[in-house]
Protein backbone atom coordinates (compact mmCIF):
# COMPACT_ATOMS: atom_id res chain seq x y z
CA MET A 1 10.66 112.44 -20.12
CA ALA A 2 8.60 115.21 -21.68
CA MET A 3 7.97 115.33 -25.38
CA SER A 4 10.02 118.50 -25.78
CA GLN A 5 13.01 116.77 -24.21
CA LYS A 6 12.63 113.82 -26.64
CA GLU A 7 12.48 116.08 -29.59
CA ASN A 8 15.52 118.01 -28.42
CA ALA A 9 17.41 114.66 -27.94
CA ILE A 10 16.58 113.62 -31.52
CA ARG A 11 17.51 116.95 -32.85
CA THR A 12 20.84 116.87 -31.06
CA PHE A 13 21.52 113.42 -32.29
CA LEU A 14 20.73 114.42 -35.87
CA GLU A 15 22.95 117.52 -35.66
CA GLU A 16 25.83 115.33 -34.48
CA ASN A 17 25.21 112.57 -36.95
CA PRO A 18 23.89 114.23 -40.01
CA LYS A 19 24.16 111.06 -42.34
CA TRP A 20 21.24 109.69 -40.22
CA ILE A 21 18.99 112.51 -41.80
CA GLY A 22 19.45 110.77 -45.18
CA ILE A 23 18.93 107.21 -43.85
CA LEU A 24 15.74 108.33 -41.96
CA PHE A 25 14.50 110.06 -45.16
CA ALA A 26 15.17 107.02 -47.27
CA ALA A 27 13.35 104.76 -44.70
CA MET A 28 10.23 107.02 -44.72
CA MET A 29 10.19 106.97 -48.48
CA LEU A 30 10.48 103.16 -48.56
CA LEU A 31 7.89 102.88 -46.03
CA SER A 32 5.36 105.13 -47.95
CA GLN A 33 5.99 103.12 -51.15
CA VAL A 34 5.45 99.81 -49.45
CA GLY A 35 2.18 101.24 -48.08
CA THR A 36 1.04 102.36 -51.49
CA VAL A 37 1.82 98.90 -52.96
CA ALA A 38 0.22 97.03 -50.05
CA ALA A 39 -3.14 99.23 -50.43
CA GLY A 40 -3.22 98.82 -54.18
CA GLY A 41 -2.29 95.19 -54.31
CA GLY A 42 -5.77 93.79 -53.58
CA SER A 43 -7.55 96.05 -56.07
CA SER A 44 -5.22 95.34 -58.97
CA LEU A 45 -6.12 91.62 -59.12
CA VAL A 46 -8.88 90.86 -61.54
CA GLY A 47 -10.77 87.64 -61.23
CA PRO A 48 -12.03 85.22 -63.88
């Protein structure tokens, strides 16, 4: 399956199921926040 066919399949799915646009957006925001916390977690600890 070519890349453009996959993109068209995703686009068609999202057009038929618009609530998934919000779900995917929320998932991307959550993942970006988790990445930020994970990246900053090690540097925020101060040793003795």
